[in-house]
């Protein structure tokens, strides 16, 4: 009899430290943000006081009670219809991670549910896909996901902060099309694609592809998009053609200059028929052919002798000399 009494006493003591809730609630949050810890309770406890505590849940370990509503960085709300009370922890720091307890006060031992809080840095991601495109074109961003999330909400946002991404989404799988953005979800291959039309420079930057998870943090993949200034290929194609034409025109004018310069000098230095005295008439030139040939050669020599008496044709301007028929006609007269 004495042994049975001791056994019952020991069992009662042990039951005082057993929680009635089954399992552990896992909660994950981002450093610098806030997180909600939601705990359910059984029917009949709607009017009982609830609280959140740490460690051994002594009086000094209680963080907030439903009778307080708000305390320091904690806020609590009891939804008696759904029989769920939720505690919000704001301004999260790394020291806030760890084990918590959701408690329901009652006569005797309170009811506890264990909570494990995990904190993550509010940035993403270790791996990033880099894309490049020119202004005015379209770019498609491919976002893979696990097949188990094929019916979950998909979205994309700018920046690299997961905590605010869904609230600041540019487009979601519920809307499919918004402005220049279009989202197509291929559930068979486990990939959704976001197309951005008519790209502009300001579209450059970081993007996050997100998939909503109801019981944990959303899943993300990162993309870095660079939009380059548009290249006007037509203008670049015209430039070599223009340069070629300019070169050809220069070569033509240069040849024209040499030919016309030679003709001009020869014209001015070739004697007229009446100036040549025939040898039979007792003139000093015994051979007309010699005279003409000599003066032609002399005229040509002046082209290489800018210091001579004849004009320096090399220093003539384009307007004065290049293929100027009026100039040559004047000289011939």
C-alpha atoms as a PDB file:
ATOM      1  CA  UNK A   1       0.000   0.000   0.000  1.00  0.00           C
ATOM      2  CA  UNK A   2       2.795   2.396   0.892  1.00  0.00           C
ATOM      3  CA  UNK A   3       4.539   1.642  -2.427  1.00  0.00           C
ATOM      4  CA  UNK A   4       1.338   2.377  -4.380  1.00  0.00           C
ATOM      5  CA  UNK A   5       0.890   5.749  -2.624  1.00  0.00           C
ATOM      6  CA  UNK A   6       4.458   6.773  -3.443  1.00  0.00           C
ATOM      7  CA  UNK A   7       3.970   5.786  -7.068  1.00  0.00           C
ATOM      8  CA  UNK A   8       0.793   7.850  -7.374  1.00  0.00           C
ATOM      9  CA  UNK A   9       2.482  10.828  -5.710  1.00  0.00           C
ATOM     10  CA  UNK A  10       5.435  10.633  -8.114  1.00  0.00           C
ATOM     11  CA  UNK A  11       3.075  10.411 -11.098  1.00  0.00           C
ATOM     12  CA  UNK A  12       1.168  13.503  -9.979  1.00  0.00           C
ATOM     13  CA  UNK A  13       4.407  15.465  -9.623  1.00  0.00           C
ATOM     14  CA  UNK A  14       5.497  14.414 -13.126  1.00  0.00           C
ATOM     15  CA  UNK A  15       2.182  15.402 -14.674  1.00  0.00           C
ATOM     16  CA  UNK A  16       2.661  18.943 -13.424  1.00  0.00           C
ATOM     17  CA  UNK A  17       5.491  19.388 -15.930  1.00  0.00           C
ATOM     18  CA  UNK A  18       3.750  17.803 -18.922  1.00  0.00           C
ATOM     19  CA  UNK A  19       2.133  20.153 -21.462  1.00  0.00           C
ATOM     20  CA  UNK A  20      -1.198  19.231 -22.945  1.00  0.00           C
ATOM     21  CA  UNK A  21      -0.322  20.517 -26.428  1.00  0.00           C
ATOM     22  CA  UNK A  22       1.177  18.099 -28.889  1.00  0.00           C
ATOM     23  CA  UNK A  23       4.236  18.962 -31.018  1.00  0.00           C
ATOM     24  CA  UNK A  24       6.353  22.082 -31.372  1.00  0.00           C
ATOM     25  CA  UNK A  25       5.362  25.237 -33.236  1.00  0.00           C
ATOM     26  CA  UNK A  26       8.213  26.364 -35.505  1.00  0.00           C
ATOM     27  CA  UNK A  27       8.315  30.054 -36.339  1.00  0.00           C
ATOM     28  CA  UNK A  28      10.878  31.847 -38.517  1.00  0.00           C
ATOM     29  CA  UNK A  29      11.380  35.584 -38.750  1.00  0.00           C
ATOM     30  CA  UNK A  30      13.758  38.193 -40.163  1.00  0.00           C
ATOM     31  CA  UNK A  31      16.179  40.227 -38.067  1.00  0.00           C
ATOM     32  CA  UNK A  32      15.005  43.829 -37.773  1.00  0.00           C
ATOM     33  CA  UNK A  33      11.375  42.959 -38.507  1.00  0.00           C
ATOM     34  CA  UNK A  34       8.490  41.420 -36.569  1.00  0.00           C
ATOM     35  CA  UNK A  35       7.051  37.929 -36.267  1.00  0.00           C
ATOM     36  CA  UNK A  36       3.714  36.464 -35.179  1.00  0.00           C
ATOM     37  CA  UNK A  37       3.535  33.509 -32.828  1.00  0.00           C
ATOM     38  CA  UNK A  38       0.071  31.899 -32.995  1.00  0.00           C
ATOM     39  CA  UNK A  39      -1.074  29.233 -30.547  1.00  0.00           C
ATOM     40  CA  UNK A  40      -4.370  27.377 -30.444  1.00  0.00           C
ATOM     41  CA  UNK A  41      -6.193  26.146 -27.358  1.00  0.00           C
ATOM     42  CA  UNK A  42      -9.076  23.813 -26.624  1.00  0.00           C
ATOM     43  CA  UNK A  43     -12.753  24.501 -26.283  1.00  0.00           C
ATOM     44  CA  UNK A  44     -13.797  25.788 -22.888  1.00  0.00           C
ATOM     45  CA  UNK A  45     -10.697  27.947 -22.362  1.00  0.00           C
ATOM     46  CA  UNK A  46     -11.943  30.990 -24.275  1.00  0.00           C
ATOM     47  CA  UNK A  47     -12.227  33.171 -21.174  1.00  0.00           C
ATOM     48  CA  UNK A  48      -8.983  31.997 -19.564  1.00  0.00           C
ATOM     49  CA  UNK A  49      -5.904  34.198 -19.529  1.00  0.00           C
ATOM     50  CA  UNK A  50      -3.200  33.413 -22.087  1.00  0.00           C
ATOM     51  CA  UNK A  51       0.432  34.490 -22.185  1.00  0.00           C
ATOM     52  CA  UNK A  52       3.836  34.056 -23.834  1.00  0.00           C
ATOM     53  CA  UNK A  53       6.905  33.223 -21.766  1.00  0.00           C
ATOM     54  CA  UNK A  54      10.527  32.017 -22.003  1.00  0.00           C
ATOM     55  CA  UNK A  55      12.800  29.726 -20.010  1.00  0.00           C
ATOM     56  CA  UNK A  56      10.955  28.041 -17.118  1.00  0.00           C
ATOM     57  CA  UNK A  57       7.943  30.369 -17.412  1.00  0.00           C
ATOM     58  CA  UNK A  58       8.283  31.744 -13.876  1.00  0.00           C
ATOM     59  CA  UNK A  59       6.698  35.092 -13.064  1.00  0.00           C
ATOM     60  CA  UNK A  60       9.780  36.980 -14.309  1.00  0.00           C
ATOM     61  CA  UNK A  61       9.811  34.930 -17.539  1.00  0.00           C
ATOM     62  CA  UNK A  62       6.317  35.980 -18.673  1.00  0.00           C
ATOM     63  CA  UNK A  63       6.707  38.436 -21.592  1.00  0.00           C
ATOM     64  CA  UNK A  64       3.058  39.473 -22.053  1.00  0.00           C
ATOM     65  CA  UNK A  65      -0.480  38.444 -20.989  1.00  0.00           C
ATOM     66  CA  UNK A  66      -3.832  38.886 -22.724  1.00  0.00           C
ATOM     67  CA  UNK A  67      -4.818  41.186 -19.870  1.00  0.00           C
ATOM     68  CA  UNK A  68      -2.048  43.617 -20.931  1.00  0.00           C
ATOM     69  CA  UNK A  69      -2.621  43.812 -24.707  1.00  0.00           C
ATOM     70  CA  UNK A  70       0.787  45.471 -25.263  1.00  0.00           C
ATOM     71  CA  UNK A  71       4.059  45.450 -23.330  1.00  0.00           C
ATOM     72  CA  UNK A  72       7.415  46.735 -24.548  1.00  0.00           C
ATOM     73  CA  UNK A  73       7.936  45.179 -28.007  1.00  0.00           C
ATOM     74  CA  UNK A  74       5.243  42.528 -27.496  1.00  0.00           C
ATOM     75  CA  UNK A  75       1.581  42.687 -28.444  1.00  0.00           C
ATOM     76  CA  UNK A  76      -1.062  39.987 -27.916  1.00  0.00           C
ATOM     77  CA  UNK A  77      -4.544  39.286 -29.287  1.00  0.00           C
ATOM     78  CA  UNK A  78      -6.972  36.493 -28.428  1.00  0.00           C
ATOM     79  CA  UNK A  79      -9.375  35.356 -31.149  1.00  0.00           C
ATOM     80  CA  UNK A  80     -11.885  33.435 -29.030  1.00  0.00           C
ATOM     81  CA  UNK A  81     -13.979  32.434 -32.037  1.00  0.00           C
ATOM     82  CA  UNK A  82     -11.069  30.661 -33.710  1.00  0.00           C
ATOM     83  CA  UNK A  83      -9.585  29.787 -30.288  1.00  0.00           C
ATOM     84  CA  UNK A  84      -6.166  31.116 -31.304  1.00  0.00           C
ATOM     85  CA  UNK A  85      -4.150  33.754 -29.498  1.00  0.00           C
ATOM     86  CA  UNK A  86      -1.342  35.506 -31.347  1.00  0.00           C
ATOM     87  CA  UNK A  87       1.689  37.303 -29.939  1.00  0.00           C
ATOM     88  CA  UNK A  88       3.590  39.755 -32.139  1.00  0.00           C
ATOM     89  CA  UNK A  89       7.281  40.312 -31.391  1.00  0.00           C
ATOM     90  CA  UNK A  90       8.675  43.488 -33.003  1.00  0.00           C
ATOM     91  CA  UNK A  91      12.207  44.778 -33.644  1.00  0.00           C
ATOM     92  CA  UNK A  92      13.725  41.315 -33.734  1.00  0.00           C
ATOM     93  CA  UNK A  93      17.375  40.775 -32.831  1.00  0.00           C
ATOM     94  CA  UNK A  94      19.498  37.647 -32.927  1.00  0.00           C
ATOM     95  CA  UNK A  95      19.111  37.235 -29.132  1.00  0.00           C
ATOM     96  CA  UNK A  96      15.347  36.831 -29.620  1.00  0.00           C
ATOM     97  CA  UNK A  97      15.848  33.468 -31.292  1.00  0.00           C
ATOM     98  CA  UNK A  98      15.225  30.362 -29.223  1.00  0.00           C
ATOM     99  CA  UNK A  99      12.530  28.563 -27.246  1.00  0.00           C
ATOM    100  CA  UNK A 100       9.249  30.135 -26.084  1.00  0.00           C
ATOM    101  CA  UNK A 101       6.073  28.834 -24.472  1.00  0.00           C
ATOM    102  CA  UNK A 102       2.447  29.659 -25.177  1.00  0.00           C
ATOM    103  CA  UNK A 103       0.595  29.369 -21.864  1.00  0.00           C
ATOM    104  CA  UNK A 104      -3.064  29.074 -20.853  1.00  0.00           C
ATOM    105  CA  UNK A 105      -3.732  29.804 -17.174  1.00  0.00           C
ATOM    106  CA  UNK A 106      -5.935  27.417 -15.236  1.00  0.00           C
ATOM    107  CA  UNK A 107      -6.339  25.921 -11.754  1.00  0.00           C
ATOM    108  CA  UNK A 108      -3.441  23.589 -11.134  1.00  0.00           C
ATOM    109  CA  UNK A 109      -0.845  23.276 -13.864  1.00  0.00           C
ATOM    110  CA  UNK A 110      -1.125  25.673 -16.826  1.00  0.00           C
ATOM    111  CA  UNK A 111      -1.319  24.362 -20.374  1.00  0.00           C
ATOM    112  CA  UNK A 112       1.841  24.965 -22.427  1.00  0.00           C
ATOM    113  CA  UNK A 113       2.747  24.709 -26.083  1.00  0.00           C
ATOM    114  CA  UNK A 114       6.404  24.855 -27.076  1.00  0.00           C
ATOM    115  CA  UNK A 115       7.502  27.394 -29.701  1.00  0.00           C
ATOM    116  CA  UNK A 116      10.855  27.427 -31.485  1.00  0.00           C
ATOM    117  CA  UNK A 117      11.769  30.799 -33.031  1.00  0.00           C
ATOM    118  CA  UNK A 118      14.408  30.932 -35.751  1.00  0.00           C
ATOM    119  CA  UNK A 119      15.736  34.228 -37.147  1.00  0.00           C
ATOM    120  CA  UNK A 120      17.199  34.897 -40.584  1.00  0.00           C
ATOM    121  CA  UNK A 121      18.979  37.929 -42.064  1.00  0.00           C
ATOM    122  CA  UNK A 122      16.627  40.059 -44.136  1.00  0.00           C
ATOM    123  CA  UNK A 123      18.513  39.658 -47.423  1.00  0.00           C
ATOM    124  CA  UNK A 124      18.673  37.215 -50.289  1.00  0.00           C
ATOM    125  CA  UNK A 125      20.408  35.327 -51.794  1.00  0.00           C
ATOM    126  CA  UNK A 126      23.742  33.486 -51.908  1.00  0.00           C
ATOM    127  CA  UNK A 127      23.295  32.703 -55.605  1.00  0.00           C
ATOM    128  CA  UNK A 128      22.083  35.269 -58.126  1.00  0.00           C
ATOM    129  CA  UNK A 129      21.221  35.020 -61.839  1.00  0.00           C
ATOM    130  CA  UNK A 130      22.575  37.928 -63.916  1.00  0.00           C
ATOM    131  CA  UNK A 131      20.769  39.140 -67.034  1.00  0.00           C
ATOM    132  CA  UNK A 132      21.621  41.833 -69.612  1.00  0.00           C
ATOM    133  CA  UNK A 133      19.373  43.476 -72.196  1.00  0.00           C
ATOM    134  CA  UNK A 134      19.137  46.681 -74.244  1.00  0.00           C
ATOM    135  CA  UNK A 135      16.569  49.446 -73.847  1.00  0.00           C
ATOM    136  CA  UNK A 136      13.351  48.989 -75.755  1.00  0.00           C
ATOM    137  CA  UNK A 137      13.555  45.195 -75.796  1.00  0.00           C
ATOM    138  CA  UNK A 138      11.789  42.603 -73.601  1.00  0.00           C
ATOM    139  CA  UNK A 139      13.365  40.328 -70.986  1.00  0.00           C
ATOM    140  CA  UNK A 140      11.989  37.164 -69.404  1.00  0.00           C
ATOM    141  CA  UNK A 141      13.014  36.260 -65.844  1.00  0.00           C
ATOM    142  CA  UNK A 142      12.788  32.540 -65.107  1.00  0.00           C
ATOM    143  CA  UNK A 143      11.918  31.525 -61.535  1.00  0.00           C
ATOM    144  CA  UNK A 144      12.077  27.783 -60.667  1.00  0.00           C
ATOM    145  CA  UNK A 145      10.279  26.283 -57.667  1.00  0.00           C
ATOM    146  CA  UNK A 146       9.677  22.872 -56.092  1.00  0.00           C
ATOM    147  CA  UNK A 147       6.753  20.930 -57.522  1.00  0.00           C
ATOM    148  CA  UNK A 148       5.053  20.806 -54.101  1.00  0.00           C
ATOM    149  CA  UNK A 149       4.400  24.551 -54.401  1.00  0.00           C
ATOM    150  CA  UNK A 150       2.733  24.429 -57.829  1.00  0.00           C
ATOM    151  CA  UNK A 151      -0.572  25.747 -56.444  1.00  0.00           C
ATOM    152  CA  UNK A 152       0.966  28.366 -54.161  1.00  0.00           C
ATOM    153  CA  UNK A 153       1.044  32.100 -54.852  1.00  0.00           C
ATOM    154  CA  UNK A 154       3.990  33.290 -56.986  1.00  0.00           C
ATOM    155  CA  UNK A 155       5.216  36.859 -57.283  1.00  0.00           C
ATOM    156  CA  UNK A 156       8.190  39.102 -58.067  1.00  0.00           C
ATOM    157  CA  UNK A 157       9.438  42.269 -56.413  1.00  0.00           C
ATOM    158  CA  UNK A 158      12.338  44.692 -56.662  1.00  0.00           C
ATOM    159  CA  UNK A 159      15.192  44.779 -54.166  1.00  0.00           C
ATOM    160  CA  UNK A 160      16.529  41.974 -51.985  1.00  0.00           C
ATOM    161  CA  UNK A 161      14.466  42.159 -48.781  1.00  0.00           C
ATOM    162  CA  UNK A 162      12.323  39.027 -48.400  1.00  0.00           C
ATOM    163  CA  UNK A 163      10.359  40.430 -45.441  1.00  0.00           C
ATOM    164  CA  UNK A 164       8.562  43.063 -47.559  1.00  0.00           C
ATOM    165  CA  UNK A 165       8.706  41.404 -50.978  1.00  0.00           C
ATOM    166  CA  UNK A 166       5.168  40.029 -51.127  1.00  0.00           C
ATOM    167  CA  UNK A 167       3.641  43.317 -49.960  1.00  0.00           C
ATOM    168  CA  UNK A 168       5.604  45.225 -52.626  1.00  0.00           C
ATOM    169  CA  UNK A 169       5.114  42.709 -55.458  1.00  0.00           C
ATOM    170  CA  UNK A 170       5.174  44.091 -58.996  1.00  0.00           C
ATOM    171  CA  UNK A 171       2.914  41.284 -60.168  1.00  0.00           C
ATOM    172  CA  UNK A 172       1.518  38.012 -58.748  1.00  0.00           C
ATOM    173  CA  UNK A 173       0.127  34.779 -60.154  1.00  0.00           C
ATOM    174  CA  UNK A 174      -3.328  36.067 -59.191  1.00  0.00           C
ATOM    175  CA  UNK A 175      -3.144  39.077 -61.526  1.00  0.00           C
ATOM    176  CA  UNK A 176      -0.973  37.566 -64.313  1.00  0.00           C
ATOM    177  CA  UNK A 177      -0.612  40.919 -66.181  1.00  0.00           C
ATOM    178  CA  UNK A 178       0.071  44.400 -64.893  1.00  0.00           C
ATOM    179  CA  UNK A 179       1.409  47.251 -67.043  1.00  0.00           C
ATOM    180  CA  UNK A 180       4.643  46.154 -68.711  1.00  0.00           C
ATOM    181  CA  UNK A 181       4.813  42.970 -66.589  1.00  0.00           C
ATOM    182  CA  UNK A 182       3.358  39.549 -67.375  1.00  0.00           C
ATOM    183  CA  UNK A 183       3.578  36.364 -65.253  1.00  0.00           C
ATOM    184  CA  UNK A 184       3.203  32.880 -66.731  1.00  0.00           C
ATOM    185  CA  UNK A 185       3.229  29.824 -64.443  1.00  0.00           C
ATOM    186  CA  UNK A 186       4.281  26.483 -65.938  1.00  0.00           C
ATOM    187  CA  UNK A 187       3.183  24.075 -63.201  1.00  0.00           C
ATOM    188  CA  UNK A 188       4.346  21.018 -65.116  1.00  0.00           C
ATOM    189  CA  UNK A 189       8.001  22.091 -65.262  1.00  0.00           C
ATOM    190  CA  UNK A 190       7.865  23.870 -61.895  1.00  0.00           C
ATOM    191  CA  UNK A 191       8.832  27.303 -63.195  1.00  0.00           C
ATOM    192  CA  UNK A 192       7.143  30.668 -63.505  1.00  0.00           C
ATOM    193  CA  UNK A 193       8.327  33.358 -65.903  1.00  0.00           C
ATOM    194  CA  UNK A 194       8.013  37.121 -65.549  1.00  0.00           C
ATOM    195  CA  UNK A 195       8.327  39.108 -68.790  1.00  0.00           C
ATOM    196  CA  UNK A 196       9.154  42.820 -68.704  1.00  0.00           C
ATOM    197  CA  UNK A 197       8.287  44.614 -71.960  1.00  0.00           C
ATOM    198  CA  UNK A 198       9.758  47.831 -73.388  1.00  0.00           C
ATOM    199  CA  UNK A 199      12.736  47.933 -71.021  1.00  0.00           C
ATOM    200  CA  UNK A 200      14.095  51.246 -69.751  1.00  0.00           C
ATOM    201  CA  UNK A 201      17.323  52.053 -67.893  1.00  0.00           C
ATOM    202  CA  UNK A 202      15.489  52.380 -64.570  1.00  0.00           C
ATOM    203  CA  UNK A 203      14.504  48.692 -64.793  1.00  0.00           C
ATOM    204  CA  UNK A 204      18.097  47.821 -63.900  1.00  0.00           C
ATOM    205  CA  UNK A 205      18.609  46.387 -60.428  1.00  0.00           C
ATOM    206  CA  UNK A 206      17.858  43.449 -58.142  1.00  0.00           C
ATOM    207  CA  UNK A 207      14.692  41.350 -58.253  1.00  0.00           C
ATOM    208  CA  UNK A 208      13.334  38.554 -56.043  1.00  0.00           C
ATOM    209  CA  UNK A 209      11.145  35.716 -57.303  1.00  0.00           C
ATOM    210  CA  UNK A 210       8.922  34.585 -54.425  1.00  0.00           C
ATOM    211  CA  UNK A 211       6.748  31.560 -53.683  1.00  0.00           C
ATOM    212  CA  UNK A 212       4.405  31.815 -50.704  1.00  0.00           C
ATOM    213  CA  UNK A 213       4.514  29.139 -48.009  1.00  0.00           C
ATOM    214  CA  UNK A 214       1.715  29.112 -45.467  1.00  0.00           C
ATOM    215  CA  UNK A 215       3.565  27.500 -42.558  1.00  0.00           C
ATOM    216  CA  UNK A 216       7.035  28.955 -43.056  1.00  0.00           C
ATOM    217  CA  UNK A 217       8.951  31.758 -44.731  1.00  0.00           C
ATOM    218  CA  UNK A 218       8.424  32.215 -48.444  1.00  0.00           C
ATOM    219  CA  UNK A 219      10.970  30.752 -50.849  1.00  0.00           C
ATOM    220  CA  UNK A 220      13.040  33.151 -52.950  1.00  0.00           C
ATOM    221  CA  UNK A 221      15.481  33.236 -55.848  1.00  0.00           C
ATOM    222  CA  UNK A 222      17.432  36.355 -56.863  1.00  0.00           C
ATOM    223  CA  UNK A 223      18.034  38.023 -60.233  1.00  0.00           C
ATOM    224  CA  UNK A 224      20.235  40.986 -61.184  1.00  0.00           C
ATOM    225  CA  UNK A 225      19.083  42.773 -64.355  1.00  0.00           C
ATOM    226  CA  UNK A 226      21.219  45.284 -66.277  1.00  0.00           C
ATOM    227  CA  UNK A 227      19.514  47.346 -68.979  1.00  0.00           C
ATOM    228  CA  UNK A 228      22.044  48.844 -71.366  1.00  0.00           C
ATOM    229  CA  UNK A 229      21.634  51.925 -73.516  1.00  0.00           C
ATOM    230  CA  UNK A 230      20.160  51.139 -76.915  1.00  0.00           C
ATOM    231  CA  UNK A 231      22.634  50.810 -79.796  1.00  0.00           C
ATOM    232  CA  UNK A 232      21.547  52.522 -83.034  1.00  0.00           C
ATOM    233  CA  UNK A 233      22.928  50.039 -85.543  1.00  0.00           C
ATOM    234  CA  UNK A 234      21.697  52.021 -88.565  1.00  0.00           C
ATOM    235  CA  UNK A 235      23.810  55.043 -87.641  1.00  0.00           C
ATOM    236  CA  UNK A 236      26.903  52.913 -87.095  1.00  0.00           C
ATOM    237  CA  UNK A 237      26.379  51.242 -90.476  1.00  0.00           C
ATOM    238  CA  UNK A 238      26.205  54.599 -92.299  1.00  0.00           C
ATOM    239  CA  UNK A 239      29.455  55.960 -90.857  1.00  0.00           C
ATOM    240  CA  UNK A 240      31.848  53.637 -92.773  1.00  0.00           C
ATOM    241  CA  UNK A 241      29.988  54.334 -96.019  1.00  0.00           C
ATOM    242  CA  UNK A 242      30.265  58.088 -95.520  1.00  0.00           C
ATOM    243  CA  UNK A 243      33.969  57.777 -94.739  1.00  0.00           C
ATOM    244  CA  UNK A 244      34.528  55.726 -97.883  1.00  0.00           C
ATOM    245  CA  UNK A 245      32.745  58.316-100.015  1.00  0.00           C
ATOM    246  CA  UNK A 246      34.844  61.095 -98.507  1.00  0.00           C
ATOM    247  CA  UNK A 247      38.057  59.204 -99.266  1.00  0.00           C
ATOM    248  CA  UNK A 248      36.991  58.560-102.843  1.00  0.00           C
ATOM    249  CA  UNK A 249      36.068  62.223-103.359  1.00  0.00           C
ATOM    250  CA  UNK A 250      39.419  63.314-101.943  1.00  0.00           C
ATOM    251  CA  UNK A 251      41.325  60.958-104.243  1.00  0.00           C
ATOM    252  CA  UNK A 252      39.339  62.169-107.236  1.00  0.00           C
ATOM    253  CA  UNK A 253      39.997  65.833-106.455  1.00  0.00           C
ATOM    254  CA  UNK A 254      43.655  65.155-105.844  1.00  0.00           C
ATOM    255  CA  UNK A 255      44.044  63.506-109.256  1.00  0.00           C
ATOM    256  CA  UNK A 256      42.007  66.273-110.839  1.00  0.00           C
ATOM    257  CA  UNK A 257      44.340  68.820-109.264  1.00  0.00           C
ATOM    258  CA  UNK A 258      47.452  67.173-110.739  1.00  0.00           C
ATOM    259  CA  UNK A 259      46.003  66.798-114.235  1.00  0.00           C
ATOM    260  CA  UNK A 260      44.580  70.294-114.420  1.00  0.00           C
ATOM    261  CA  UNK A 261      47.696  71.831-112.930  1.00  0.00           C
ATOM    262  CA  UNK A 262      49.817  70.194-115.617  1.00  0.00           C
ATOM    263  CA  UNK A 263      47.450  71.305-118.337  1.00  0.00           C
ATOM    264  CA  UNK A 264      47.396  74.862-117.017  1.00  0.00           C
ATOM    265  CA  UNK A 265      51.183  75.181-116.912  1.00  0.00           C
ATOM    266  CA  UNK A 266      51.610  73.681-120.357  1.00  0.00           C
ATOM    267  CA  UNK A 267      48.942  75.975-121.767  1.00  0.00           C
ATOM    268  CA  UNK A 268      50.620  79.131-120.445  1.00  0.00           C
ATOM    269  CA  UNK A 269      54.114  78.204-121.612  1.00  0.00           C
ATOM    270  CA  UNK A 270      53.380  76.751-125.064  1.00  0.00           C
ATOM    271  CA  UNK A 271      54.143  79.400-127.710  1.00  0.00           C
ATOM    272  CA  UNK A 272      51.580  80.404-130.237  1.00  0.00           C
ATOM    273  CA  UNK A 273      52.168  79.726-133.919  1.00  0.00           C
ATOM    274  CA  UNK A 274      52.983  83.381-134.676  1.00  0.00           C
ATOM    275  CA  UNK A 275      55.569  83.454-131.878  1.00  0.00           C
ATOM    276  CA  UNK A 276      57.611  80.710-133.414  1.00  0.00           C
ATOM    277  CA  UNK A 277      59.895  81.938-136.141  1.00  0.00           C
ATOM    278  CA  UNK A 278      60.461  79.473-138.883  1.00  0.00           C
ATOM    279  CA  UNK A 279      64.073  78.667-139.658  1.00  0.00           C
ATOM    280  CA  UNK A 280      63.497  79.374-143.364  1.00  0.00           C
ATOM    281  CA  UNK A 281      62.560  82.988-142.510  1.00  0.00           C
ATOM    282  CA  UNK A 282      65.832  83.501-140.732  1.00  0.00           C
ATOM    283  CA  UNK A 283      64.500  83.186-137.205  1.00  0.00           C
ATOM    284  CA  UNK A 284      66.683  82.287-134.296  1.00  0.00           C
ATOM    285  CA  UNK A 285      64.837  78.966-133.770  1.00  0.00           C
ATOM    286  CA  UNK A 286      65.834  76.523-136.361  1.00  0.00           C
ATOM    287  CA  UNK A 287      63.425  73.840-135.250  1.00  0.00           C
ATOM    288  CA  UNK A 288      59.854  74.577-134.090  1.00  0.00           C
ATOM    289  CA  UNK A 289      59.430  71.109-132.599  1.00  0.00           C
ATOM    290  CA  UNK A 290      62.468  71.678-130.389  1.00  0.00           C
ATOM    291  CA  UNK A 291      61.124  74.992-129.149  1.00  0.00           C
ATOM    292  CA  UNK A 292      57.736  73.554-128.218  1.00  0.00           C
ATOM    293  CA  UNK A 293      59.251  70.529-126.553  1.00  0.00           C
ATOM    294  CA  UNK A 294      61.703  72.630-124.565  1.00  0.00           C
ATOM    295  CA  UNK A 295      59.070  74.996-123.279  1.00  0.00           C
ATOM    296  CA  UNK A 296      56.742  72.153-122.343  1.00  0.00           C
ATOM    297  CA  UNK A 297      59.520  70.533-120.354  1.00  0.00           C
ATOM    298  CA  UNK A 298      60.367  73.877-118.767  1.00  0.00           C
ATOM    299  CA  UNK A 299      56.777  74.339-117.755  1.00  0.00           C
ATOM    300  CA  UNK A 300      56.669  70.944-116.118  1.00  0.00           C
ATOM    301  CA  UNK A 301      59.827  71.727-114.184  1.00  0.00           C
ATOM    302  CA  UNK A 302      58.137  74.688-112.598  1.00  0.00           C
ATOM    303  CA  UNK A 303      55.787  72.332-110.779  1.00  0.00           C
ATOM    304  CA  UNK A 304      58.765  71.159-108.737  1.00  0.00           C
ATOM    305  CA  UNK A 305      60.222  74.648-108.355  1.00  0.00           C
ATOM    306  CA  UNK A 306      57.954  76.741-106.126  1.00  0.00           C
ATOM    307  CA  UNK A 307      60.653  79.424-105.971  1.00  0.00           C
ATOM    308  CA  UNK A 308      60.645  80.128-109.685  1.00  0.00           C
ATOM    309  CA  UNK A 309      58.972  82.897-111.690  1.00  0.00           C
ATOM    310  CA  UNK A 310      55.935  80.853-112.575  1.00  0.00           C
ATOM    311  CA  UNK A 311      52.955  80.688-110.103  1.00  0.00           C
ATOM    312  CA  UNK A 312      53.204  78.200-107.260  1.00  0.00           C
ATOM    313  CA  UNK A 313      50.334  75.902-108.148  1.00  0.00           C
ATOM    314  CA  UNK A 314      50.789  73.767-105.059  1.00  0.00           C
ATOM    315  CA  UNK A 315      49.654  76.665-102.855  1.00  0.00           C
ATOM    316  CA  UNK A 316      46.424  77.348-104.723  1.00  0.00           C
ATOM    317  CA  UNK A 317      43.220  76.919-102.759  1.00  0.00           C
ATOM    318  CA  UNK A 318      40.477  74.528-103.757  1.00  0.00           C
ATOM    319  CA  UNK A 319      38.235  77.376-104.834  1.00  0.00           C
ATOM    320  CA  UNK A 320      41.017  78.859-106.989  1.00  0.00           C
ATOM    321  CA  UNK A 321      42.256  75.739-108.675  1.00  0.00           C
ATOM    322  CA  UNK A 322      40.552  72.375-108.136  1.00  0.00           C
ATOM    323  CA  UNK A 323      38.931  71.459-111.388  1.00  0.00           C
ATOM    324  CA  UNK A 324      37.962  75.102-111.932  1.00  0.00           C
ATOM    325  CA  UNK A 325      37.261  75.452-115.596  1.00  0.00           C
ATOM    326  CA  UNK A 326      36.846  79.227-115.359  1.00  0.00           C
ATOM    327  CA  UNK A 327      40.379  79.530-114.069  1.00  0.00           C
ATOM    328  CA  UNK A 328      41.841  77.553-116.943  1.00  0.00           C
ATOM    329  CA  UNK A 329      39.817  79.394-119.557  1.00  0.00           C
ATOM    330  CA  UNK A 330      41.011  82.720-118.197  1.00  0.00           C
ATOM    331  CA  UNK A 331      44.615  81.595-118.418  1.00  0.00           C
ATOM    332  CA  UNK A 332      44.180  80.383-121.948  1.00  0.00           C
ATOM    333  CA  UNK A 333      42.958  83.810-123.030  1.00  0.00           C
END
